[in-house]
Amino acid sequence: SHYRGVVPTHAPVLRDRSDVAAYAAYRMPATFEAVRSALGAFRDAAGPWTPATHTDIGGGTGSASWAVAEAWEDAETPVAT
């Protein structure tokens, strides 16, 4: 309810470990599938092109990086920052 509710912008949405775990369990699979779907369409349009590297800058839980790794298995392992 805290995550979906009305929260002042200065208040943290994820207040404790259980909030973080619930967010990761709920959002990670959905984010992974959304990014995987978008990358699949991009791969179809890009043809044989493969990225050499991928940098994850503030990408949340890392699920987008996992989707990139699945889409291009030969690409260098992402660097999360």
PDB file of N, CA and C in Angstrom:
ATOM      1  N   SER A   1       0.833  -1.197   0.000  1.00  0.00           N
ATOM      2  CA  SER A   1       0.000   0.000   0.000  1.00  0.00           C
ATOM      3  C   SER A   1       0.874   1.255   0.000  1.00  0.00           C
ATOM      4  N   HIS A   2       2.026   1.185   0.673  1.00  0.00           N
ATOM      5  CA  HIS A   2       2.923   2.345   0.696  1.00  0.00           C
ATOM      6  C   HIS A   2       3.481   2.630  -0.695  1.00  0.00           C
ATOM      7  N   TYR A   3       3.847   1.573  -1.403  1.00  0.00           N
ATOM      8  CA  TYR A   3       4.420   1.732  -2.751  1.00  0.00           C
ATOM      9  C   TYR A   3       3.414   2.345  -3.713  1.00  0.00           C
ATOM     10  N   ARG A   4       2.163   1.901  -3.676  1.00  0.00           N
ATOM     11  CA  ARG A   4       1.132   2.384  -4.589  1.00  0.00           C
ATOM     12  C   ARG A   4       0.359   3.581  -4.035  1.00  0.00           C
ATOM     13  N   GLY A   5       0.524   3.897  -2.777  1.00  0.00           N
ATOM     14  CA  GLY A   5      -0.258   4.951  -2.149  1.00  0.00           C
ATOM     15  C   GLY A   5       0.296   6.340  -2.412  1.00  0.00           C
ATOM     16  N   VAL A   6      -0.331   7.296  -1.780  1.00  0.00           N
ATOM     17  CA  VAL A   6       0.099   8.686  -1.883  1.00  0.00           C
ATOM     18  C   VAL A   6       1.189   8.918  -0.840  1.00  0.00           C
ATOM     19  N   VAL A   7       2.368   9.246  -1.307  1.00  0.00           N
ATOM     20  CA  VAL A   7       3.519   9.432  -0.427  1.00  0.00           C
ATOM     21  C   VAL A   7       4.128  10.802  -0.733  1.00  0.00           C
ATOM     22  N   PRO A   8       4.414  11.589   0.298  1.00  0.00           N
ATOM     23  CA  PRO A   8       5.089  12.858   0.029  1.00  0.00           C
ATOM     24  C   PRO A   8       6.392  12.616  -0.726  1.00  0.00           C
ATOM     25  N   THR A   9       6.754  13.508  -1.623  1.00  0.00           N
ATOM     26  CA  THR A   9       7.929  13.294  -2.464  1.00  0.00           C
ATOM     27  C   THR A   9       9.228  13.220  -1.677  1.00  0.00           C
ATOM     28  N   HIS A  10       9.264  13.771  -0.491  1.00  0.00           N
ATOM     29  CA  HIS A  10      10.495  13.723   0.307  1.00  0.00           C
ATOM     30  C   HIS A  10      10.603  12.442   1.138  1.00  0.00           C
ATOM     31  N   ALA A  11       9.529  11.679   1.231  1.00  0.00           N
ATOM     32  CA  ALA A  11       9.543  10.448   2.026  1.00  0.00           C
ATOM     33  C   ALA A  11      10.045   9.282   1.179  1.00  0.00           C
ATOM     34  N   PRO A  12      10.888   8.406   1.736  1.00  0.00           N
ATOM     35  CA  PRO A  12      11.352   7.247   0.968  1.00  0.00           C
ATOM     36  C   PRO A  12      10.205   6.272   0.715  1.00  0.00           C
ATOM     37  N   VAL A  13      10.150   5.750  -0.494  1.00  0.00           N
ATOM     38  CA  VAL A  13       9.123   4.766  -0.839  1.00  0.00           C
ATOM     39  C   VAL A  13       9.493   3.412  -0.250  1.00  0.00           C
ATOM     40  N   LEU A  14      10.770   3.067  -0.316  1.00  0.00           N
ATOM     41  CA  LEU A  14      11.246   1.796   0.214  1.00  0.00           C
ATOM     42  C   LEU A  14      11.868   2.073   1.581  1.00  0.00           C
ATOM     43  N   ARG A  15      11.117   1.775   2.639  1.00  0.00           N
ATOM     44  CA  ARG A  15      11.524   2.171   3.984  1.00  0.00           C
ATOM     45  C   ARG A  15      12.388   1.155   4.710  1.00  0.00           C
ATOM     46  N   ASP A  16      12.236  -0.132   4.361  1.00  0.00           N
ATOM     47  CA  ASP A  16      12.991  -1.147   5.084  1.00  0.00           C
ATOM     48  C   ASP A  16      13.263  -2.335   4.168  1.00  0.00           C
ATOM     49  N   ARG A  17      13.919  -3.353   4.720  1.00  0.00           N
ATOM     50  CA  ARG A  17      14.313  -4.517   3.906  1.00  0.00           C
ATOM     51  C   ARG A  17      13.111  -5.235   3.301  1.00  0.00           C
ATOM     52  N   SER A  18      12.017  -5.303   4.020  1.00  0.00           N
ATOM     53  CA  SER A  18      10.843  -5.991   3.470  1.00  0.00           C
ATOM     54  C   SER A  18      10.250  -5.210   2.311  1.00  0.00           C
ATOM     55  N   ASP A  19      10.274  -3.872   2.362  1.00  0.00           N
ATOM     56  CA  ASP A  19       9.824  -3.062   1.225  1.00  0.00           C
ATOM     57  C   ASP A  19      10.710  -3.310   0.003  1.00  0.00           C
ATOM     58  N   VAL A  20      12.015  -3.384   0.230  1.00  0.00           N
ATOM     59  CA  VAL A  20      12.965  -3.625  -0.859  1.00  0.00           C
ATOM     60  C   VAL A  20      12.741  -5.007  -1.460  1.00  0.00           C
ATOM     61  N   ALA A  21      12.572  -6.003  -0.623  1.00  0.00           N
ATOM     62  CA  ALA A  21      12.344  -7.371  -1.109  1.00  0.00           C
ATOM     63  C   ALA A  21      11.038  -7.460  -1.890  1.00  0.00           C
ATOM     64  N   ALA A  22       9.994  -6.828  -1.394  1.00  0.00           N
ATOM     65  CA  ALA A  22       8.708  -6.845  -2.088  1.00  0.00           C
ATOM     66  C   ALA A  22       8.813  -6.131  -3.435  1.00  0.00           C
ATOM     67  N   TYR A  23       9.508  -5.006  -3.467  1.00  0.00           N
ATOM     68  CA  TYR A  23       9.697  -4.266  -4.717  1.00  0.00           C
ATOM     69  C   TYR A  23      10.459  -5.117  -5.725  1.00  0.00           C
ATOM     70  N   ALA A  24      11.528  -5.737  -5.282  1.00  0.00           N
ATOM     71  CA  ALA A  24      12.327  -6.557  -6.192  1.00  0.00           C
ATOM     72  C   ALA A  24      11.530  -7.747  -6.703  1.00  0.00           C
ATOM     73  N   ALA A  25      10.780  -8.384  -5.837  1.00  0.00           N
ATOM     74  CA  ALA A  25       9.993  -9.550  -6.250  1.00  0.00           C
ATOM     75  C   ALA A  25       8.883  -9.167  -7.222  1.00  0.00           C
ATOM     76  N   TYR A  26       8.348  -7.994  -7.067  1.00  0.00           N
ATOM     77  CA  TYR A  26       7.244  -7.535  -7.908  1.00  0.00           C
ATOM     78  C   TYR A  26       7.738  -6.918  -9.211  1.00  0.00           C
ATOM     79  N   ARG A  27       8.750  -6.058  -9.115  1.00  0.00           N
ATOM     80  CA  ARG A  27       9.181  -5.283 -10.283  1.00  0.00           C
ATOM     81  C   ARG A  27      10.224  -5.987 -11.140  1.00  0.00           C
ATOM     82  N   MET A  28      11.125  -6.733 -10.553  1.00  0.00           N
ATOM     83  CA  MET A  28      12.207  -7.333 -11.340  1.00  0.00           C
ATOM     84  C   MET A  28      11.699  -8.194 -12.487  1.00  0.00           C
ATOM     85  N   PRO A  29      10.787  -9.115 -12.255  1.00  0.00           N
ATOM     86  CA  PRO A  29      10.319  -9.934 -13.383  1.00  0.00           C
ATOM     87  C   PRO A  29       9.613  -9.105 -14.457  1.00  0.00           C
ATOM     88  N   ALA A  30       8.837  -8.125 -14.031  1.00  0.00           N
ATOM     89  CA  ALA A  30       8.118  -7.289 -14.997  1.00  0.00           C
ATOM     90  C   ALA A  30       9.087  -6.428 -15.803  1.00  0.00           C
ATOM     91  N   THR A  31      10.071  -5.856 -15.157  1.00  0.00           N
ATOM     92  CA  THR A  31      11.059  -5.043 -15.857  1.00  0.00           C
ATOM     93  C   THR A  31      11.873  -5.892 -16.815  1.00  0.00           C
ATOM     94  N   PHE A  32      12.297  -7.069 -16.357  1.00  0.00           N
ATOM     95  CA  PHE A  32      13.061  -7.972 -17.212  1.00  0.00           C
ATOM     96  C   PHE A  32      12.273  -8.289 -18.480  1.00  0.00           C
ATOM     97  N   GLU A  33      11.013  -8.668 -18.339  1.00  0.00           N
ATOM     98  CA  GLU A  33      10.204  -9.037 -19.508  1.00  0.00           C
ATOM     99  C   GLU A  33       9.961  -7.849 -20.426  1.00  0.00           C
ATOM    100  N   ALA A  34       9.728  -6.675 -19.879  1.00  0.00           N
ATOM    101  CA  ALA A  34       9.510  -5.482 -20.705  1.00  0.00           C
ATOM    102  C   ALA A  34      10.764  -5.136 -21.502  1.00  0.00           C
ATOM    103  N   VAL A  35      11.916  -5.163 -20.846  1.00  0.00           N
ATOM    104  CA  VAL A  35      13.176  -4.852 -21.528  1.00  0.00           C
ATOM    105  C   VAL A  35      13.519  -5.946 -22.538  1.00  0.00           C
ATOM    106  N   ARG A  36      13.295  -7.193 -22.172  1.00  0.00           N
ATOM    107  CA  ARG A  36      13.570  -8.304 -23.092  1.00  0.00           C
ATOM    108  C   ARG A  36      12.731  -8.185 -24.359  1.00  0.00           C
ATOM    109  N   SER A  37      11.483  -7.822 -24.210  1.00  0.00           N
ATOM    110  CA  SER A  37      10.600  -7.642 -25.359  1.00  0.00           C
ATOM    111  C   SER A  37      11.073  -6.489 -26.244  1.00  0.00           C
ATOM    112  N   ALA A  38      11.426  -5.371 -25.627  1.00  0.00           N
ATOM    113  CA  ALA A  38      11.913  -4.222 -26.391  1.00  0.00           C
ATOM    114  C   ALA A  38      13.226  -4.548 -27.105  1.00  0.00           C
ATOM    115  N   LEU A  39      14.121  -5.250 -26.428  1.00  0.00           N
ATOM    116  CA  LEU A  39      15.396  -5.615 -27.050  1.00  0.00           C
ATOM    117  C   LEU A  39      15.199  -6.619 -28.183  1.00  0.00           C
ATOM    118  N   GLY A  40      14.216  -7.492 -28.054  1.00  0.00           N
ATOM    119  CA  GLY A  40      13.916  -8.421 -29.139  1.00  0.00           C
ATOM    120  C   GLY A  40      13.506  -7.681 -30.402  1.00  0.00           C
ATOM    121  N   ALA A  41      12.657  -6.675 -30.249  1.00  0.00           N
ATOM    122  CA  ALA A  41      12.248  -5.858 -31.399  1.00  0.00           C
ATOM    123  C   ALA A  41      13.440  -5.081 -31.955  1.00  0.00           C
ATOM    124  N   PHE A  42      14.288  -4.574 -31.057  1.00  0.00           N
ATOM    125  CA  PHE A  42      15.473  -3.840 -31.502  1.00  0.00           C
ATOM    126  C   PHE A  42      16.430  -4.755 -32.253  1.00  0.00           C
ATOM    127  N   ARG A  43      16.638  -5.957 -31.731  1.00  0.00           N
ATOM    128  CA  ARG A  43      17.524  -6.921 -32.412  1.00  0.00           C
ATOM    129  C   ARG A  43      16.995  -7.249 -33.802  1.00  0.00           C
ATOM    130  N   ASP A  44      15.695  -7.434 -33.932  1.00  0.00           N
ATOM    131  CA  ASP A  44      15.108  -7.712 -35.240  1.00  0.00           C
ATOM    132  C   ASP A  44      15.379  -6.570 -36.212  1.00  0.00           C
ATOM    133  N   ALA A  45      15.296  -5.343 -35.729  1.00  0.00           N
ATOM    134  CA  ALA A  45      15.524  -4.172 -36.588  1.00  0.00           C
ATOM    135  C   ALA A  45      17.002  -3.942 -36.876  1.00  0.00           C
ATOM    136  N   ALA A  46      17.872  -4.292 -35.921  1.00  0.00           N
ATOM    137  CA  ALA A  46      19.307  -4.015 -36.064  1.00  0.00           C
ATOM    138  C   ALA A  46      20.036  -5.057 -36.898  1.00  0.00           C
ATOM    139  N   GLY A  47      19.416  -6.188 -37.131  1.00  0.00           N
ATOM    140  CA  GLY A  47      20.076  -7.221 -37.928  1.00  0.00           C
ATOM    141  C   GLY A  47      21.218  -7.870 -37.184  1.00  0.00           C
ATOM    142  N   PRO A  48      22.341  -8.091 -37.864  1.00  0.00           N
ATOM    143  CA  PRO A  48      23.448  -8.836 -37.247  1.00  0.00           C
ATOM    144  C   PRO A  48      24.286  -8.021 -36.257  1.00  0.00           C
ATOM    145  N   TRP A  49      23.970  -6.761 -36.075  1.00  0.00           N
ATOM    146  CA  TRP A  49      24.746  -5.917 -35.157  1.00  0.00           C
ATOM    147  C   TRP A  49      24.670  -6.465 -33.731  1.00  0.00           C
ATOM    148  N   THR A  50      25.788  -6.416 -33.033  1.00  0.00           N
ATOM    149  CA  THR A  50      25.868  -6.814 -31.629  1.00  0.00           C
ATOM    150  C   THR A  50      26.634  -5.739 -30.875  1.00  0.00           C
ATOM    151  N   PRO A  51      26.125  -5.295 -29.727  1.00  0.00           N
ATOM    152  CA  PRO A  51      26.865  -4.295 -28.953  1.00  0.00           C
ATOM    153  C   PRO A  51      28.136  -4.906 -28.384  1.00  0.00           C
ATOM    154  N   ALA A  52      29.168  -4.106 -28.300  1.00  0.00           N
ATOM    155  CA  ALA A  52      30.428  -4.587 -27.727  1.00  0.00           C
ATOM    156  C   ALA A  52      30.362  -4.588 -26.207  1.00  0.00           C
ATOM    157  N   THR A  53      29.700  -3.578 -25.630  1.00  0.00           N
ATOM    158  CA  THR A  53      29.595  -3.458 -24.180  1.00  0.00           C
ATOM    159  C   THR A  53      28.226  -2.900 -23.821  1.00  0.00           C
ATOM    160  N   HIS A  54      27.956  -2.928 -22.540  1.00  0.00           N
ATOM    161  CA  HIS A  54      26.729  -2.344 -22.011  1.00  0.00           C
ATOM    162  C   HIS A  54      27.043  -1.823 -20.624  1.00  0.00           C
ATOM    163  N   THR A  55      26.640  -0.592 -20.351  1.00  0.00           N
ATOM    164  CA  THR A  55      26.843  -0.007 -19.033  1.00  0.00           C
ATOM    165  C   THR A  55      25.494   0.295 -18.422  1.00  0.00           C
ATOM    166  N   ASP A  56      25.257  -0.204 -17.248  1.00  0.00           N
ATOM    167  CA  ASP A  56      24.016   0.026 -16.524  1.00  0.00           C
ATOM    168  C   ASP A  56      24.258   1.152 -15.529  1.00  0.00           C
ATOM    169  N   ILE A  57      23.665   2.302 -15.789  1.00  0.00           N
ATOM    170  CA  ILE A  57      23.855   3.465 -14.918  1.00  0.00           C
ATOM    171  C   ILE A  57      22.546   3.713 -14.167  1.00  0.00           C
ATOM    172  N   GLY A  58      22.521   3.326 -12.927  1.00  0.00           N
ATOM    173  CA  GLY A  58      21.333   3.554 -12.115  1.00  0.00           C
ATOM    174  C   GLY A  58      20.121   2.813 -12.619  1.00  0.00           C
ATOM    175  N   GLY A  59      20.334   1.590 -13.108  1.00  0.00           N
ATOM    176  CA  GLY A  59      19.250   0.835 -13.702  1.00  0.00           C
ATOM    177  C   GLY A  59      18.384   0.080 -12.721  1.00  0.00           C
ATOM    178  N   GLY A  60      18.381   0.438 -11.476  1.00  0.00           N
ATOM    179  CA  GLY A  60      17.507  -0.232 -10.521  1.00  0.00           C
ATOM    180  C   GLY A  60      18.068  -1.555 -10.048  1.00  0.00           C
ATOM    181  N   THR A  61      17.265  -2.603 -10.188  1.00  0.00           N
ATOM    182  CA  THR A  61      17.599  -3.903  -9.619  1.00  0.00           C
ATOM    183  C   THR A  61      18.562  -4.724 -10.455  1.00  0.00           C
ATOM    184  N   GLY A  62      18.882  -4.291 -11.649  1.00  0.00           N
ATOM    185  CA  GLY A  62      19.792  -5.030 -12.521  1.00  0.00           C
ATOM    186  C   GLY A  62      19.090  -5.909 -13.533  1.00  0.00           C
ATOM    187  N   SER A  63      17.769  -5.955 -13.485  1.00  0.00           N
ATOM    188  CA  SER A  63      17.040  -6.835 -14.398  1.00  0.00           C
ATOM    189  C   SER A  63      17.196  -6.420 -15.859  1.00  0.00           C
ATOM    190  N   ALA A  64      17.386  -5.140 -16.127  1.00  0.00           N
ATOM    191  CA  ALA A  64      17.607  -4.703 -17.513  1.00  0.00           C
ATOM    192  C   ALA A  64      18.954  -5.220 -18.021  1.00  0.00           C
ATOM    193  N   SER A  65      19.949  -5.242 -17.167  1.00  0.00           N
ATOM    194  CA  SER A  65      21.253  -5.780 -17.561  1.00  0.00           C
ATOM    195  C   SER A  65      21.159  -7.268 -17.860  1.00  0.00           C
ATOM    196  N   TRP A  66      20.360  -7.985 -17.093  1.00  0.00           N
ATOM    197  CA  TRP A  66      20.166  -9.413 -17.362  1.00  0.00           C
ATOM    198  C   TRP A  66      19.487  -9.614 -18.708  1.00  0.00           C
ATOM    199  N   ALA A  67      18.553  -8.733 -19.048  1.00  0.00           N
ATOM    200  CA  ALA A  67      17.871  -8.837 -20.345  1.00  0.00           C
ATOM    201  C   ALA A  67      18.846  -8.575 -21.484  1.00  0.00           C
ATOM    202  N   VAL A  68      19.749  -7.619 -21.317  1.00  0.00           N
ATOM    203  CA  VAL A  68      20.770  -7.360 -22.337  1.00  0.00           C
ATOM    204  C   VAL A  68      21.668  -8.571 -22.491  1.00  0.00           C
ATOM    205  N   ALA A  69      22.080  -9.141 -21.375  1.00  0.00           N
ATOM    206  CA  ALA A  69      22.951 -10.324 -21.425  1.00  0.00           C
ATOM    207  C   ALA A  69      22.265 -11.490 -22.126  1.00  0.00           C
ATOM    208  N   GLU A  70      20.965 -11.618 -21.958  1.00  0.00           N
ATOM    209  CA  GLU A  70      20.244 -12.683 -22.640  1.00  0.00           C
ATOM    210  C   GLU A  70      20.098 -12.377 -24.133  1.00  0.00           C
ATOM    211  N   ALA A  71      19.870 -11.119 -24.466  1.00  0.00           N
ATOM    212  CA  ALA A  71      19.662 -10.738 -25.862  1.00  0.00           C
ATOM    213  C   ALA A  71      20.941 -10.877 -26.681  1.00  0.00           C
ATOM    214  N   TRP A  72      22.075 -10.514 -26.091  1.00  0.00           N
ATOM    215  CA  TRP A  72      23.356 -10.578 -26.791  1.00  0.00           C
ATOM    216  C   TRP A  72      24.347 -11.336 -25.915  1.00  0.00           C
ATOM    217  N   GLU A  73      24.343 -12.639 -26.005  1.00  0.00           N
ATOM    218  CA  GLU A  73      25.194 -13.471 -25.147  1.00  0.00           C
ATOM    219  C   GLU A  73      26.680 -13.227 -25.379  1.00  0.00           C
ATOM    220  N   ASP A  74      27.057 -12.752 -26.573  1.00  0.00           N
ATOM    221  CA  ASP A  74      28.466 -12.521 -26.878  1.00  0.00           C
ATOM    222  C   ASP A  74      28.963 -11.146 -26.449  1.00  0.00           C
ATOM    223  N   ALA A  75      28.057 -10.283 -26.023  1.00  0.00           N
ATOM    224  CA  ALA A  75      28.478  -8.942 -25.590  1.00  0.00           C
ATOM    225  C   ALA A  75      29.219  -9.037 -24.262  1.00  0.00           C
ATOM    226  N   GLU A  76      30.089  -8.077 -24.022  1.00  0.00           N
ATOM    227  CA  GLU A  76      30.841  -8.035 -22.777  1.00  0.00           C
ATOM    228  C   GLU A  76      29.883  -7.900 -21.597  1.00  0.00           C
ATOM    229  N   THR A  77      30.249  -8.484 -20.479  1.00  0.00           N
ATOM    230  CA  THR A  77      29.439  -8.416 -19.280  1.00  0.00           C
ATOM    231  C   THR A  77      29.221  -6.958 -18.887  1.00  0.00           C
ATOM    232  N   PRO A  78      27.980  -6.602 -18.549  1.00  0.00           N
ATOM    233  CA  PRO A  78      27.703  -5.208 -18.206  1.00  0.00           C
ATOM    234  C   PRO A  78      28.419  -4.760 -16.941  1.00  0.00           C
ATOM    235  N   VAL A  79      28.646  -3.462 -16.869  1.00  0.00           N
ATOM    236  CA  VAL A  79      29.230  -2.842 -15.696  1.00  0.00           C
ATOM    237  C   VAL A  79      28.129  -2.038 -15.036  1.00  0.00           C
ATOM    238  N   ALA A  80      27.744  -2.400 -13.839  1.00  0.00           N
ATOM    239  CA  ALA A  80      26.708  -1.658 -13.106  1.00  0.00           C
ATOM    240  C   ALA A  80      27.360  -0.569 -12.278  1.00  0.00           C
ATOM    241  N   THR A  81      26.751   0.603 -12.329  1.00  0.00           N
ATOM    242  CA  THR A  81      27.260   1.717 -11.534  1.00  0.00           C
ATOM    243  C   THR A  81      26.176   2.289 -10.672  1.00  0.00           C
TER     244      THR A  81
END
